[in-house]
């Protein structure tokens, strides 16, 4: 099996499908910052206890829109910002590829909270941080009453996946690679 050829095909397909979406061009730093702010506002409105959790986090990585596209082979791409102390500390992208039955395009937002200084340091130290390899991420689900399950918030790295309707369930971020970009 030619891994390089397969990855090239997936990359070409991903680029082609994403180019068809309205938000295909790279965003500027101020545009990403505005989208990050809107995503965090939506998050705190939708999820009880989110504001407190955001305040306690050592760092917050927000991808306002990760576009997933596929036709047999698929992939996803998004750009976002890392916030430390409420200020932008850098811009990042996330990319992943997948194989299997898939057809279409969808978008989602992802918020990753680094709950300890050590977890944040480990993330920032790595060039090309891969979820599930370089760090374990707990995807948080809501408990009774629509608030955050307190058993999950004790983990060093938490993730929330949202769509236009709110928090999404049964999704994984395994295999996503996050890299720093310049904006």
Protein backbone atom coordinates (compact mmCIF):
# COMPACT_ATOMS: atom_id res chain seq x y z
CA UNK A 1 0.00 0.00 0.00
CA UNK A 2 1.39 3.37 -0.97
CA UNK A 3 0.81 5.62 2.02
CA UNK A 4 2.29 8.68 0.32
CA UNK A 5 0.02 8.27 -2.71
CA UNK A 6 -3.04 7.78 -0.52
CA UNK A 7 -2.23 10.83 1.59
CA UNK A 8 -1.68 12.86 -1.58
CA UNK A 9 -5.05 11.76 -2.94
CA UNK A 10 -6.77 12.59 0.36
CA UNK A 11 -5.07 15.99 0.48
CA UNK A 12 -6.09 16.77 -3.12
CA UNK A 13 -9.68 15.72 -2.43
CA UNK A 14 -9.81 17.73 0.76
CA UNK A 15 -8.43 20.83 -0.91
CA UNK A 16 -10.88 20.44 -3.79
CA UNK A 17 -13.91 19.99 -1.55
CA UNK A 18 -12.95 22.75 0.86
CA UNK A 19 -12.33 25.10 -2.08
CA UNK A 20 -16.03 24.71 -2.89
CA UNK A 21 -17.07 26.02 0.53
CA UNK A 22 -17.73 29.75 1.07
CA UNK A 23 -15.09 30.07 3.82
CA UNK A 24 -12.24 28.44 1.89
CA UNK A 25 -9.78 31.31 2.00
CA UNK A 26 -7.32 31.73 4.87
CA UNK A 27 -8.56 34.13 7.51
CA UNK A 28 -6.53 37.01 8.92
CA UNK A 29 -5.61 37.20 12.60
CA UNK A 30 -8.35 39.75 13.42
CA UNK A 31 -10.93 37.64 11.55
CA UNK A 32 -9.93 34.52 13.51
CA UNK A 33 -10.04 36.51 16.77
CA UNK A 34 -13.58 37.74 16.00
CA UNK A 35 -14.75 34.21 15.18
CA UNK A 36 -13.11 32.87 18.35
CA UNK A 37 -14.96 35.47 20.44
CA UNK A 38 -18.29 34.58 18.84
CA UNK A 39 -17.66 30.85 19.35
CA UNK A 40 -16.84 31.34 23.03
CA UNK A 41 -19.99 33.46 23.50
CA UNK A 42 -22.08 30.70 21.91
CA UNK A 43 -20.34 28.12 24.11
CA UNK A 44 -20.96 29.98 27.38
CA UNK A 45 -24.60 30.57 26.40
CA UNK A 46 -25.19 26.89 25.53
CA UNK A 47 -23.25 25.13 28.31
CA UNK A 48 -23.93 25.67 32.00
CA UNK A 49 -20.70 26.14 33.97
CA UNK A 50 -18.64 26.97 30.87
CA UNK A 51 -17.60 30.46 32.05
CA UNK A 52 -16.12 29.10 35.26
CA UNK A 53 -14.32 26.35 33.38
CA UNK A 54 -12.87 28.87 30.89
CA UNK A 55 -11.60 31.04 33.77
CA UNK A 56 -9.87 28.04 35.39
CA UNK A 57 -8.17 26.84 32.19
CA UNK A 58 -4.45 27.58 31.72
CA UNK A 59 -5.12 27.94 27.98
CA UNK A 60 -8.07 27.74 25.59
CA UNK A 61 -7.65 26.63 21.97
CA UNK A 62 -10.66 27.54 19.83
CA UNK A 63 -11.39 26.41 16.28
CA UNK A 64 -14.53 28.34 15.28
CA UNK A 65 -15.10 26.32 12.12
CA UNK A 66 -13.60 22.97 11.20
CA UNK A 67 -14.89 21.92 7.80
CA UNK A 68 -15.15 18.20 7.16
CA UNK A 69 -15.55 17.08 3.56
CA UNK A 70 -15.60 13.63 2.07
CA UNK A 71 -16.38 11.45 -0.84
CA UNK A 72 -15.01 8.00 0.05
CA UNK A 73 -11.82 9.60 1.33
CA UNK A 74 -12.29 12.59 3.55
CA UNK A 75 -10.59 15.16 5.62
CA UNK A 76 -11.10 18.17 7.75
CA UNK A 77 -9.41 21.51 8.21
CA UNK A 78 -9.87 24.51 10.45
CA UNK A 79 -8.02 27.52 11.82
CA UNK A 80 -8.21 28.97 15.30
CA UNK A 81 -6.41 30.68 18.14
CA UNK A 82 -4.87 29.78 21.48
CA UNK A 83 -5.92 32.12 24.28
CA UNK A 84 -3.90 32.49 27.46
CA UNK A 85 -5.26 34.86 30.06
CA UNK A 86 -7.97 35.89 27.60
CA UNK A 87 -5.43 37.10 25.00
CA UNK A 88 -4.37 35.51 21.73
CA UNK A 89 -1.05 33.68 22.18
CA UNK A 90 -0.87 32.16 18.70
CA UNK A 91 -2.80 30.87 15.72
CA UNK A 92 -3.19 27.20 14.85
CA UNK A 93 -4.70 24.90 12.28
CA UNK A 94 -6.07 21.41 12.61
CA UNK A 95 -6.13 18.79 9.89
CA UNK A 96 -7.08 15.14 9.68
CA UNK A 97 -7.87 12.54 7.05
CA UNK A 98 -10.22 9.56 7.06
CA UNK A 99 -11.22 6.65 4.88
CA UNK A 100 -14.68 5.05 4.77
CA UNK A 101 -18.21 5.81 3.70
CA UNK A 102 -18.67 9.55 3.75
CA UNK A 103 -20.24 12.02 1.41
CA UNK A 104 -20.78 15.73 1.87
CA UNK A 105 -19.55 18.70 3.81
CA UNK A 106 -20.23 19.73 7.39
CA UNK A 107 -18.79 22.26 9.84
CA UNK A 108 -18.32 22.21 13.58
CA UNK A 109 -16.58 24.22 16.26
CA UNK A 110 -14.04 22.73 18.67
CA UNK A 111 -12.90 24.21 21.97
CA UNK A 112 -9.94 22.56 23.71
CA UNK A 113 -9.18 23.52 27.31
CA UNK A 114 -5.76 22.94 28.83
CA UNK A 115 -6.64 22.69 32.50
CA UNK A 116 -3.07 22.51 33.83
CA UNK A 117 0.06 24.53 33.10
CA UNK A 118 1.86 21.26 32.38
CA UNK A 119 -0.67 20.21 29.71
CA UNK A 120 -0.44 23.65 28.08
CA UNK A 121 3.38 23.54 28.15
CA UNK A 122 3.39 20.09 26.53
CA UNK A 123 1.08 21.33 23.77
CA UNK A 124 3.10 24.50 23.05
CA UNK A 125 6.42 22.65 23.08
CA UNK A 126 5.41 20.28 20.28
CA UNK A 127 5.45 21.31 16.62
CA UNK A 128 2.55 19.37 15.13
CA UNK A 129 0.67 18.10 18.21
CA UNK A 130 -1.37 15.01 17.36
CA UNK A 131 -4.41 14.18 19.48
CA UNK A 132 -4.19 10.65 20.88
CA UNK A 133 -0.43 10.47 20.28
CA UNK A 134 1.10 13.57 21.85
CA UNK A 135 -1.74 14.18 24.24
CA UNK A 136 -4.94 12.58 25.44
CA UNK A 137 -8.06 14.71 25.12
CA UNK A 138 -11.32 14.04 26.94
CA UNK A 139 -14.35 14.98 24.85
CA UNK A 140 -16.85 16.34 27.38
CA UNK A 141 -20.54 15.48 27.38
CA UNK A 142 -23.22 17.24 29.36
CA UNK A 143 -24.59 15.89 32.59
CA UNK A 144 -28.07 16.20 34.07
CA UNK A 145 -29.63 19.63 33.51
CA UNK A 146 -27.38 20.57 30.59
CA UNK A 147 -24.32 21.37 32.69
CA UNK A 148 -20.80 20.02 32.55
CA UNK A 149 -20.20 16.59 34.11
CA UNK A 150 -17.90 17.31 37.06
CA UNK A 151 -16.19 13.89 36.77
CA UNK A 152 -14.78 14.83 33.37
CA UNK A 153 -13.41 18.25 34.33
CA UNK A 154 -10.62 16.72 36.40
CA UNK A 155 -8.77 15.73 33.21
CA UNK A 156 -5.78 17.85 32.05
CA UNK A 157 -7.12 18.43 28.50
CA UNK A 158 -10.82 18.77 27.73
CA UNK A 159 -12.61 19.26 24.41
CA UNK A 160 -16.06 20.44 23.49
CA UNK A 161 -17.47 19.87 20.00
CA UNK A 162 -20.32 22.13 18.94
CA UNK A 163 -22.45 22.55 15.86
CA UNK A 164 -25.06 25.23 15.13
CA UNK A 165 -27.50 23.53 17.53
CA UNK A 166 -25.11 23.13 20.47
CA UNK A 167 -22.88 20.48 21.99
CA UNK A 168 -22.38 17.41 19.78
CA UNK A 169 -22.13 13.87 21.13
CA UNK A 170 -20.27 10.67 20.19
CA UNK A 171 -17.55 12.40 18.21
CA UNK A 172 -13.81 11.95 18.49
CA UNK A 173 -10.83 14.13 17.76
CA UNK A 174 -8.37 11.20 17.62
CA UNK A 175 -5.85 11.57 14.83
CA UNK A 176 -6.29 15.32 14.39
CA UNK A 177 -2.99 17.15 14.02
CA UNK A 178 -2.70 20.69 15.37
CA UNK A 179 0.09 22.96 14.15
CA UNK A 180 1.02 26.59 14.73
CA UNK A 181 0.50 28.98 11.79
CA UNK A 182 1.31 32.65 11.16
CA UNK A 183 -1.49 35.17 10.67
